[in-house]
Amino acid sequence: MRQKSSFPDKLTGNYAQDLDILDRALRVRESFDIVGRDLSIAGRQAKLYLIDGFAKDAIMLKIITTLTAIQEGDLEKFPDTKSFSDRYIPYLEVSLETKVSTVIDQVLSGPLALIVQGYPEAIMIDARTYPTRSLQEPDSDRVLRGARDSFAETLVINTALIRRHIRDSRLTMQYHSVGSVSKTDVVLAYLEGRADPETVQGLAKKIDALDVKTLSMGQESLSECLIPKRWYNPFPRVRYTERPDTAAATICEGGIVLIVDGTPSIMLLPSSFFDFFQDTNDYYFPPLVGSYLRLTRYLIYLLTLFLIPVWFLMVKNPQLIPPWLSFIQVEKPNDVPIFFQLLVVELVIDCLKQASLNTPAALGGSFSVVSALILGEFAVTARWFVPEVLLYMAFVAVANFAQPSFELGYAFKLCRVALIILVQLFNLWGFVAGVILIAVLIATTPTVLGKNYLYPLIPFDGSRMLRLFVRRSMHDDNT
């Protein structure tokens, strides 16, 4: 909940009182980076409030130079704040504000506030700039062809990147502020006439109704606030991208994009289960090649989920193995049960992933080689694991990277582990029950908004279903 303010709702128009209000509200004396710059304008006192590091030096110099050059008596020609700002503030984004809370929020967001003796309003000058990194291709969403730019942590840069791809006045950037403490900027972007109006309004109401203090983890915190809470369901309900072309394509197809200030990951809504199988590379190759890549990805998904449980089921029940698959049997079993070997290797793979995240880039290659040697060859030699377990688990670990969604990869991993446990406990019936439970879990997964999680399978849409498997040629309705 927003704390009740002890300051007046509006500026009083008395210069000394207004300075005292803003000094105390902004805590100028306590915070070194909040600057209150005293000026003298044509014999009148003035004060400029800003955040050190957010203001553009060149613009600041231009504004101060213009203000201090005003001659005494010139201000008499401009009796109100608007006429004064129109004449002497050489900048585009200028507004007037009398509400104290709005002045405070804007200054903390980056704009400058100018208080001039004799004028009752604060002049807000949006001359802010944020520290940002260079726009380079994202590490997690690479393409062989296509653009190499990506979103950054600055909201204005991200909206500009989308505007560069969609030069249409119907593109709407709807602003929201979330968090009583952080007051995080959130932009809801959609194309008027393409996006469903009810969906847009419903999402906007959800965002405005959020009662949180801060979005500490950016888009992840926002998604957790918007998504119905079901801790037992690992399947993702929001897609993310760091690519402007992907975000623009989603908007043009009638989707909605959520941009959170401070994070380069953009939320794509609404998202169904099948949307996570799409990859940007599909659209930078001819339709035939793109369709082949997409079908291959579907097959890999199925293998990552069912390969290990089916193999484990057959190893437990040799009578189920047909003669032409006899090579999948364990030739040299050891004393460690296959069930424990599979669980340990699953855990080891996650340990290696976590360790690689904290390994310096210069040592990453060496780390991969050493870990593969020690945990692979030596583990088999020491008879901890059989070679078949390492082979199949290595394939699954590599295959997980064939899709762009890490959340879906871990959802499949948890389902795979659950299938292994059920096979160990209940054999064939455990596998059948596990498959049914996974299907029910996916079918009952709630979405943030919009259609069913299994759309276009439920409700069935034949043309959309075909587009999931076949990458069609470019036309008016296919971006």
Protein backbone atom coordinates (compact mmCIF):
# COMPACT_ATOMS: atom_id res chain seq x y z
CA MET A 1 0.00 0.00 0.00
CA ARG A 2 1.19 3.53 -0.74
CA GLN A 3 2.15 5.32 2.43
CA LYS A 4 0.15 8.39 3.29
CA SER A 5 2.13 11.54 2.50
CA SER A 6 2.75 14.20 5.15
CA PHE A 7 3.14 16.91 2.50
CA PRO A 8 0.47 19.17 0.96
CA ASP A 9 -1.31 17.87 -2.12
CA LYS A 10 -0.36 20.89 -4.23
CA LEU A 11 2.30 23.56 -4.40
CA THR A 12 1.30 26.67 -2.47
CA GLY A 13 2.64 29.29 -4.89
CA ASN A 14 4.82 30.68 -2.09
CA TYR A 15 8.41 30.24 -3.23
CA ALA A 16 9.96 29.62 0.21
CA GLN A 17 7.24 27.21 1.29
CA ASP A 18 7.40 25.27 -1.96
CA LEU A 19 11.18 24.89 -1.67
CA ASP A 20 10.81 23.64 1.89
CA ILE A 21 8.19 21.10 0.79
CA LEU A 22 10.27 19.77 -2.09
CA ASP A 23 13.54 19.75 -0.10
CA ARG A 24 11.95 17.63 2.59
CA ALA A 25 9.99 15.43 0.19
CA LEU A 26 13.00 14.70 -2.03
CA ARG A 27 15.40 14.52 0.96
CA VAL A 28 17.92 16.72 -0.78
CA ARG A 29 20.11 17.08 2.29
CA GLU A 30 20.19 13.32 2.99
CA SER A 31 20.84 12.02 -0.56
CA PHE A 32 23.96 13.17 -2.35
CA ASP A 33 22.68 12.27 -5.82
CA ILE A 34 19.53 14.41 -5.56
CA VAL A 35 20.68 17.87 -6.62
CA GLY A 36 18.95 21.15 -5.78
CA ARG A 37 20.66 23.85 -7.91
CA ASP A 38 19.96 27.44 -6.90
CA LEU A 39 19.75 29.93 -9.77
CA SER A 40 19.15 33.63 -10.25
CA ILE A 41 16.87 34.48 -13.17
CA ALA A 42 16.45 38.18 -13.97
CA GLY A 43 16.71 39.10 -10.31
CA ARG A 44 14.33 36.34 -9.18
CA GLN A 45 15.30 33.27 -7.20
CA ALA A 46 14.88 29.85 -8.79
CA LYS A 47 15.80 26.27 -8.01
CA LEU A 48 16.35 23.27 -10.25
CA TYR A 49 15.80 19.75 -8.89
CA LEU A 50 17.34 16.76 -10.67
CA ILE A 51 18.94 13.34 -10.16
CA ASP A 52 22.66 13.36 -10.78
CA GLY A 53 23.35 10.84 -13.56
CA PHE A 54 19.91 11.13 -15.18
CA ALA A 55 20.29 14.61 -16.71
CA LYS A 56 21.90 15.24 -20.09
CA ASP A 57 24.82 17.61 -19.55
CA ALA A 58 24.55 19.37 -22.90
CA ILE A 59 20.85 20.09 -22.45
CA MET A 60 21.38 21.20 -18.86
CA LEU A 61 24.07 23.64 -19.96
CA LYS A 62 21.82 25.03 -22.70
CA ILE A 63 18.86 25.52 -20.33
CA ILE A 64 20.91 27.17 -17.56
CA THR A 65 22.71 29.40 -20.05
CA THR A 66 19.38 30.56 -21.51
CA LEU A 67 17.81 31.19 -18.09
CA THR A 68 20.75 33.12 -16.63
CA ALA A 69 20.91 35.32 -19.74
CA ILE A 70 17.42 36.76 -19.14
CA GLN A 71 17.60 40.47 -18.35
CA GLU A 72 15.83 42.11 -15.41
CA GLY A 73 12.41 43.34 -16.39
CA ASP A 74 11.95 40.77 -19.17
CA LEU A 75 9.88 38.50 -16.92
CA GLU A 76 7.26 41.21 -16.52
CA LYS A 77 6.18 40.47 -20.08
CA PHE A 78 5.35 36.86 -19.06
CA PRO A 79 3.00 36.94 -16.06
CA ASP A 80 2.16 33.20 -16.00
CA THR A 81 4.26 30.04 -15.93
CA LYS A 82 3.14 28.77 -19.35
CA SER A 83 4.15 31.90 -21.23
CA PHE A 84 7.49 31.94 -19.41
CA SER A 85 8.24 28.27 -20.22
CA ASP A 86 7.16 28.71 -23.85
CA ARG A 87 9.57 31.60 -24.24
CA TYR A 88 12.61 30.60 -22.22
CA ILE A 89 12.75 26.78 -21.99
CA PRO A 90 14.43 25.67 -25.24
CA TYR A 91 13.35 22.05 -25.06
CA LEU A 92 10.59 19.89 -26.53
CA GLU A 93 9.23 17.88 -23.58
CA VAL A 94 8.05 20.52 -21.09
CA SER A 95 4.96 20.41 -18.86
CA LEU A 96 3.56 22.26 -15.86
CA GLU A 97 2.66 20.54 -12.60
CA THR A 98 1.21 21.66 -9.27
CA LYS A 99 0.65 18.28 -7.58
CA VAL A 100 3.50 17.61 -5.13
CA SER A 101 3.39 13.81 -5.41
CA THR A 102 3.58 14.01 -9.22
CA VAL A 103 6.56 16.37 -9.07
CA ILE A 104 8.36 14.00 -6.70
CA ASP A 105 7.61 10.90 -8.80
CA GLN A 106 8.77 12.58 -11.99
CA VAL A 107 12.00 13.92 -10.50
CA LEU A 108 12.84 10.47 -9.13
CA SER A 109 12.14 9.05 -12.60
CA GLY A 110 14.59 11.43 -14.28
CA PRO A 111 12.92 14.68 -15.46
CA LEU A 112 13.97 18.04 -14.01
CA ALA A 113 11.76 20.29 -11.90
CA LEU A 114 12.27 24.09 -12.08
CA ILE A 115 10.70 26.34 -9.43
CA VAL A 116 10.79 30.08 -10.21
CA GLN A 117 9.86 32.78 -7.73
CA GLY A 118 6.57 34.38 -8.73
CA TYR A 119 5.24 31.38 -10.64
CA PRO A 120 2.93 28.93 -8.84
CA GLU A 121 3.61 25.82 -10.96
CA ALA A 122 6.67 23.61 -11.26
CA ILE A 123 8.13 23.43 -14.77
CA MET A 124 8.91 19.78 -15.57
CA ILE A 125 11.62 19.28 -18.20
CA ASP A 126 12.05 15.72 -19.46
CA ALA A 127 15.76 15.95 -20.28
CA ARG A 128 16.66 12.61 -18.75
CA THR A 129 18.99 9.94 -20.00
CA TYR A 130 19.66 6.50 -18.55
CA PRO A 131 22.92 4.54 -18.47
CA THR A 132 22.64 1.80 -21.08
CA ARG A 133 24.74 -0.80 -22.81
CA SER A 134 25.28 -1.10 -26.55
CA LEU A 135 22.58 -2.83 -28.60
CA GLN A 136 23.99 -6.21 -29.54
CA GLU A 137 22.53 -9.59 -30.42
CA PRO A 138 21.07 -11.37 -27.37
CA ASP A 139 22.95 -14.48 -26.24
CA SER A 140 19.80 -16.56 -25.72
CA ASP A 141 18.00 -15.83 -29.01
CA ARG A 142 20.55 -15.91 -31.81
CA VAL A 143 19.80 -16.22 -35.52
CA LEU A 144 21.91 -17.28 -38.48
CA ARG A 145 20.37 -14.48 -40.52
CA GLY A 146 18.46 -11.37 -39.62
CA ALA A 147 18.91 -8.36 -37.37
CA ARG A 148 21.57 -8.34 -34.65
CA ASP A 149 20.08 -5.69 -32.37
CA SER A 150 18.32 -6.39 -29.10
CA PHE A 151 16.37 -4.65 -26.39
CA ALA A 152 18.22 -2.89 -23.58
CA GLU A 153 17.37 -1.99 -19.98
CA THR A 154 16.01 1.45 -20.92
CA LEU A 155 12.28 1.75 -21.59
CA VAL A 156 12.46 4.59 -24.13
CA ILE A 157 15.09 2.76 -26.18
CA ASN A 158 12.92 -0.36 -26.29
CA THR A 159 9.81 1.51 -27.42
CA ALA A 160 11.88 3.28 -30.09
CA LEU A 161 13.18 -0.06 -31.39
CA ILE A 162 9.60 -1.28 -31.82
CA ARG A 163 8.57 2.00 -33.49
CA ARG A 164 11.42 1.51 -35.94
CA HIS A 165 9.82 -1.76 -37.10
CA ILE A 166 6.19 -0.57 -37.02
CA ARG A 167 5.69 2.91 -38.50
CA ASP A 168 1.96 2.97 -38.03
CA SER A 169 -0.04 5.50 -36.02
CA ARG A 170 -2.22 2.67 -34.74
CA LEU A 171 0.70 1.35 -32.69
CA THR A 172 -0.29 2.31 -29.15
CA MET A 173 2.13 2.56 -26.22
CA GLN A 174 -0.02 2.65 -23.09
CA TYR A 175 1.85 3.77 -19.97
CA HIS A 176 1.35 2.35 -16.46
CA SER A 177 3.18 2.72 -13.15
CA VAL A 178 3.44 -0.33 -10.89
CA GLY A 179 4.73 -0.54 -7.32
CA SER A 180 4.10 1.85 -4.46
CA VAL A 181 7.85 1.99 -3.71
CA SER A 182 9.61 1.29 -7.01
CA LYS A 183 6.99 3.01 -9.24
CA THR A 184 8.29 0.92 -12.13
CA ASP A 185 7.40 2.11 -15.62
CA VAL A 186 5.43 -0.48 -17.58
CA VAL A 187 4.27 -0.02 -21.18
CA LEU A 188 1.49 -2.04 -22.79
CA ALA A 189 2.04 -2.00 -26.56
CA TYR A 190 -0.50 -3.15 -29.14
CA LEU A 191 -1.79 -2.34 -32.61
CA GLU A 192 -5.21 -0.70 -32.58
CA GLY A 193 -7.59 -2.65 -34.81
CA ARG A 194 -5.56 -5.87 -34.63
CA ALA A 195 -5.45 -6.62 -30.92
CA ASP A 196 -8.65 -7.72 -29.20
CA PRO A 197 -10.04 -4.65 -27.36
CA GLU A 198 -11.44 -6.71 -24.48
CA THR A 199 -8.10 -8.43 -23.98
CA VAL A 200 -6.28 -5.09 -23.97
CA GLN A 201 -8.71 -3.56 -21.49
CA GLY A 202 -8.62 -6.64 -19.27
CA LEU A 203 -4.83 -6.63 -19.11
CA ALA A 204 -4.71 -2.88 -18.45
CA LYS A 205 -7.16 -3.30 -15.56
CA LYS A 206 -5.08 -6.14 -14.12
CA ILE A 207 -1.94 -4.00 -14.21
CA ASP A 208 -3.64 -0.98 -12.64
CA ALA A 209 -5.14 -3.17 -9.90
CA LEU A 210 -1.78 -4.60 -8.79
CA ASP A 211 -1.10 -3.79 -5.14
CA VAL A 212 2.64 -4.43 -4.75
CA LYS A 213 5.53 -2.46 -3.31
CA THR A 214 8.14 -3.15 -5.96
CA LEU A 215 8.87 -5.15 -9.10
CA SER A 216 12.29 -6.21 -7.87
CA MET A 217 12.82 -8.83 -10.59
CA GLY A 218 11.38 -6.78 -13.44
CA GLN A 219 9.30 -8.76 -15.90
CA GLU A 220 9.42 -11.90 -13.73
CA SER A 221 7.85 -10.06 -10.79
CA LEU A 222 5.18 -8.63 -13.10
CA SER A 223 4.35 -12.01 -14.61
CA GLU A 224 4.04 -13.58 -11.16
CA CYS A 225 1.58 -10.85 -10.22
CA LEU A 226 -0.51 -11.37 -13.36
CA ILE A 227 -0.46 -15.17 -13.55
CA PRO A 228 -2.94 -17.19 -11.46
CA LYS A 229 -0.90 -18.84 -8.71
CA ARG A 230 -0.50 -22.62 -9.13
CA TRP A 231 2.79 -23.63 -7.56
CA TYR A 232 2.55 -27.23 -8.77
CA ASN A 233 2.32 -26.26 -12.45
CA PRO A 234 5.76 -25.70 -14.03
CA PHE A 235 4.58 -24.86 -17.54
CA PRO A 236 5.28 -21.26 -18.59
CA ARG A 237 2.42 -18.94 -19.49
CA VAL A 238 4.41 -15.96 -20.75
CA ARG A 239 6.87 -15.87 -23.61
CA TYR A 240 9.88 -13.58 -23.49
CA THR A 241 12.08 -12.14 -26.19
CA GLU A 242 15.00 -9.75 -26.45
CA ARG A 243 14.56 -9.27 -30.19
CA PRO A 244 12.72 -6.19 -31.56
CA ASP A 245 11.72 -8.02 -34.75
CA THR A 246 10.02 -10.78 -32.75
CA ALA A 247 8.14 -8.25 -30.60
CA ALA A 248 7.07 -6.29 -33.69
CA ALA A 249 5.83 -9.46 -35.42
CA THR A 250 3.79 -10.37 -32.33
CA ILE A 251 2.17 -6.92 -32.30
CA CYS A 252 1.38 -7.06 -36.02
CA GLU A 253 -0.29 -10.44 -35.56
CA GLY A 254 -2.65 -8.98 -32.95
CA GLY A 255 -0.66 -9.82 -29.83
CA ILE A 256 0.23 -7.61 -26.90
CA VAL A 257 3.70 -6.71 -25.67
CA LEU A 258 4.56 -5.71 -22.10
CA ILE A 259 7.73 -3.66 -21.66
CA VAL A 260 9.12 -3.25 -18.14
CA ASP A 261 11.72 -0.57 -17.45
CA GLY A 262 15.04 -1.96 -16.27
CA THR A 263 14.96 -5.27 -18.13
CA PRO A 264 15.74 -6.25 -21.74
CA SER A 265 13.24 -9.12 -21.77
CA ILE A 266 9.89 -8.23 -23.34
CA MET A 267 6.74 -10.16 -22.43
CA LEU A 268 4.63 -11.49 -25.34
CA LEU A 269 0.93 -12.05 -24.65
CA PRO A 270 -1.26 -13.99 -24.98
CA SER A 271 0.87 -17.15 -25.09
CA SER A 272 -0.36 -20.68 -25.64
CA PHE A 273 1.53 -23.95 -25.19
CA PHE A 274 2.34 -24.26 -28.89
CA ASP A 275 3.72 -20.71 -29.14
CA PHE A 276 6.80 -21.81 -27.19
CA PHE A 277 7.78 -24.12 -30.04
CA GLN A 278 8.36 -21.20 -32.40
CA ASP A 279 11.82 -19.90 -33.08
CA THR A 280 13.00 -16.78 -34.91
CA ASN A 281 15.24 -18.83 -37.23
CA ASP A 282 12.12 -20.41 -38.78
CA TYR A 283 11.26 -17.08 -40.40
CA TYR A 284 14.72 -16.19 -41.69
CA PHE A 285 14.83 -19.25 -43.97
CA PRO A 286 12.61 -20.24 -46.92
CA PRO A 287 9.26 -21.83 -45.98
CA LEU A 288 10.42 -25.40 -46.72
CA VAL A 289 13.54 -25.10 -44.58
CA GLY A 290 11.61 -23.27 -41.86
CA SER A 291 8.96 -26.00 -41.80
CA TYR A 292 11.66 -28.69 -41.53
CA LEU A 293 13.30 -26.89 -38.60
CA ARG A 294 9.94 -26.56 -36.85
CA LEU A 295 9.00 -30.23 -37.30
CA THR A 296 12.45 -31.24 -36.09
CA ARG A 297 11.95 -29.11 -32.98
CA TYR A 298 8.63 -30.82 -32.21
CA LEU A 299 10.33 -34.23 -32.48
CA ILE A 300 13.14 -33.11 -30.18
CA TYR A 301 10.60 -31.91 -27.62
CA LEU A 302 8.93 -35.31 -27.58
CA LEU A 303 12.29 -37.07 -27.22
CA THR A 304 13.40 -34.90 -24.31
CA LEU A 305 10.20 -35.80 -22.47
CA PHE A 306 9.73 -39.49 -23.30
CA LEU A 307 13.09 -40.95 -24.40
CA ILE A 308 14.51 -41.61 -20.91
CA PRO A 309 11.23 -42.82 -19.27
CA VAL A 310 10.47 -45.17 -22.20
CA TRP A 311 14.03 -46.56 -22.18
CA PHE A 312 13.89 -47.04 -18.40
CA LEU A 313 10.52 -48.79 -18.74
CA MET A 314 11.95 -51.20 -21.33
CA VAL A 315 15.05 -51.87 -19.24
CA LYS A 316 12.79 -52.80 -16.32
CA ASN A 317 10.70 -54.98 -18.61
CA PRO A 318 13.01 -56.71 -21.14
CA GLN A 319 10.03 -58.60 -22.58
CA LEU A 320 8.77 -55.30 -24.01
CA ILE A 321 11.91 -54.82 -26.12
CA PRO A 322 11.43 -56.08 -29.71
CA PRO A 323 14.37 -57.95 -31.30
CA TRP A 324 15.30 -55.01 -33.55
CA LEU A 325 15.77 -52.82 -30.43
CA SER A 326 17.84 -55.30 -28.48
CA PHE A 327 20.84 -52.94 -28.60
CA ILE A 328 19.22 -50.60 -26.06
CA GLN A 329 19.68 -53.13 -23.25
CA VAL A 330 22.36 -52.50 -20.65
CA GLU A 331 25.29 -54.71 -21.60
CA LYS A 332 27.34 -54.39 -18.40
CA PRO A 333 25.11 -53.54 -15.47
CA ASN A 334 26.68 -52.52 -12.15
CA ASP A 335 25.52 -52.55 -8.57
CA VAL A 336 23.96 -49.06 -8.73
CA PRO A 337 20.27 -49.26 -9.76
CA ILE A 338 19.44 -47.56 -13.06
CA PHE A 339 16.77 -45.50 -11.28
CA PHE A 340 19.31 -43.84 -8.99
CA GLN A 341 21.75 -43.38 -11.85
CA LEU A 342 19.16 -41.44 -13.83
CA LEU A 343 18.25 -39.19 -10.91
CA VAL A 344 21.90 -38.51 -10.05
CA VAL A 345 22.78 -37.61 -13.64
CA GLU A 346 19.75 -35.30 -13.84
CA LEU A 347 21.06 -33.55 -10.74
CA VAL A 348 24.64 -33.45 -12.03
CA ILE A 349 23.53 -31.83 -15.29
CA ASP A 350 21.79 -29.06 -13.36
CA CYS A 351 24.89 -28.63 -11.20
CA LEU A 352 27.00 -28.19 -14.33
CA LYS A 353 24.55 -25.63 -15.72
CA GLN A 354 24.64 -23.64 -12.50
CA ALA A 355 28.43 -23.83 -12.36
CA SER A 356 28.78 -22.70 -15.98
CA LEU A 357 26.77 -19.55 -15.21
CA ASN A 358 29.36 -18.54 -12.62
CA THR A 359 32.40 -19.59 -14.62
CA PRO A 360 34.41 -16.74 -16.23
CA ALA A 361 34.10 -16.71 -20.00
CA ALA A 362 37.84 -17.32 -20.44
CA LEU A 363 37.56 -20.58 -18.48
CA GLY A 364 34.24 -21.76 -19.90
CA GLY A 365 35.74 -24.01 -22.58
CA SER A 366 38.20 -25.62 -20.20
CA PHE A 367 35.46 -26.16 -17.62
CA SER A 368 33.28 -27.98 -20.16
CA VAL A 369 36.12 -30.29 -21.25
CA VAL A 370 37.25 -31.12 -17.71
CA SER A 371 33.72 -31.74 -16.43
CA ALA A 372 32.92 -33.98 -19.42
CA LEU A 373 36.08 -36.04 -18.87
CA ILE A 374 35.77 -36.39 -15.11
CA LEU A 375 32.03 -36.98 -14.91
CA GLY A 376 31.87 -39.04 -18.05
CA GLU A 377 34.78 -41.36 -18.70
CA PHE A 378 35.94 -41.64 -15.10
CA ALA A 379 32.42 -42.20 -13.77
CA VAL A 380 31.97 -45.16 -16.15
CA THR A 381 35.42 -46.54 -15.33
CA ALA A 382 34.66 -46.33 -11.61
CA ARG A 383 31.41 -48.23 -12.33
CA TRP A 384 29.21 -45.48 -10.93
CA PHE A 385 27.20 -45.24 -14.14
CA VAL A 386 26.63 -47.43 -17.15
CA PRO A 387 27.48 -45.89 -20.57
CA GLU A 388 23.87 -46.12 -21.77
CA VAL A 389 22.65 -43.78 -19.00
CA LEU A 390 25.27 -41.16 -19.83
CA LEU A 391 24.56 -41.44 -23.57
CA TYR A 392 20.81 -40.89 -23.32
CA MET A 393 21.08 -38.23 -20.63
CA ALA A 394 23.72 -36.37 -22.68
CA PHE A 395 21.39 -36.36 -25.68
CA VAL A 396 18.52 -34.99 -23.60
CA ALA A 397 20.76 -32.32 -22.05
CA VAL A 398 21.90 -31.13 -25.47
CA ALA A 399 18.42 -31.40 -26.99
CA ASN A 400 17.01 -29.04 -24.34
CA PHE A 401 18.95 -26.22 -25.98
CA ALA A 402 17.17 -26.80 -29.32
CA GLN A 403 14.30 -24.62 -28.10
CA PRO A 404 14.44 -20.98 -26.97
CA SER A 405 12.31 -21.27 -23.81
CA PHE A 406 14.29 -22.22 -20.71
CA GLU A 407 11.07 -22.32 -18.68
CA LEU A 408 9.52 -24.94 -20.96
CA GLY A 409 12.76 -26.94 -20.90
CA TYR A 410 12.65 -27.14 -17.11
CA ALA A 411 8.93 -27.95 -17.18
CA PHE A 412 9.67 -30.92 -19.42
CA LYS A 413 12.57 -31.89 -17.15
CA LEU A 414 10.34 -32.00 -14.06
CA CYS A 415 7.73 -34.01 -15.97
CA ARG A 416 10.45 -36.40 -17.16
CA VAL A 417 11.70 -36.93 -13.60
CA ALA A 418 8.12 -37.51 -12.45
CA LEU A 419 7.67 -40.16 -15.17
CA ILE A 420 10.90 -41.89 -14.11
CA ILE A 421 9.73 -42.02 -10.49
CA LEU A 422 6.28 -43.34 -11.48
CA VAL A 423 7.85 -46.04 -13.67
CA GLN A 424 10.05 -47.09 -10.77
CA LEU A 425 7.07 -47.27 -8.39
CA PHE A 426 4.29 -48.64 -10.61
CA ASN A 427 6.03 -49.90 -13.75
CA LEU A 428 3.89 -49.74 -16.93
CA TRP A 429 0.81 -48.41 -15.15
CA GLY A 430 2.92 -45.67 -13.62
CA PHE A 431 4.08 -44.57 -17.08
CA VAL A 432 0.51 -44.53 -18.41
CA ALA A 433 -0.73 -42.60 -15.39
CA GLY A 434 2.17 -40.12 -15.70
CA VAL A 435 1.39 -39.41 -19.36
CA ILE A 436 -2.28 -38.83 -18.50
CA LEU A 437 -1.37 -36.52 -15.60
CA ILE A 438 0.98 -34.47 -17.82
CA ALA A 439 -1.74 -34.12 -20.47
CA VAL A 440 -4.27 -33.01 -17.85
CA LEU A 441 -1.76 -30.59 -16.32
CA ILE A 442 -1.11 -28.94 -19.69
CA ALA A 443 -4.80 -28.82 -20.57
CA THR A 444 -5.73 -27.16 -17.27
CA THR A 445 -2.92 -24.59 -17.27
CA PRO A 446 -4.50 -21.14 -16.91
CA THR A 447 -3.41 -18.34 -19.20
CA VAL A 448 -2.81 -14.71 -18.27
CA LEU A 449 -5.55 -13.67 -20.69
CA GLY A 450 -7.03 -14.58 -24.01
CA LYS A 451 -7.63 -18.06 -25.44
CA ASN A 452 -7.13 -21.51 -23.95
CA TYR A 453 -3.57 -22.66 -23.19
CA LEU A 454 -3.90 -25.40 -25.84
CA TYR A 455 -5.26 -23.12 -28.58
CA PRO A 456 -5.57 -23.83 -31.53
CA LEU A 457 -6.06 -27.46 -30.47
CA ILE A 458 -8.69 -26.49 -27.85
CA PRO A 459 -10.80 -24.85 -29.21
CA PHE A 460 -9.84 -26.38 -32.53
CA ASP A 461 -8.80 -24.05 -35.34
CA GLY A 462 -7.65 -25.98 -38.39
CA SER A 463 -5.85 -23.20 -40.25
CA ARG A 464 -4.01 -22.03 -37.16
CA MET A 465 -3.13 -25.62 -36.28
CA LEU A 466 -1.60 -26.13 -39.72
CA ARG A 467 0.51 -23.01 -39.24
CA LEU A 468 2.04 -24.58 -36.13
CA PHE A 469 3.69 -27.26 -38.26
CA VAL A 470 4.12 -25.56 -41.64
CA ARG A 471 5.85 -22.21 -42.06
CA ARG A 472 3.74 -20.49 -44.71
CA SER A 473 5.00 -17.99 -47.24
CA MET A 474 4.77 -14.28 -46.50
CA HIS A 475 1.40 -12.61 -47.07
CA ASP A 476 -0.84 -9.93 -45.55
CA ASP A 477 -1.98 -11.92 -42.52
CA ASN A 478 1.26 -13.79 -41.87
CA THR A 479 4.09 -11.74 -40.39
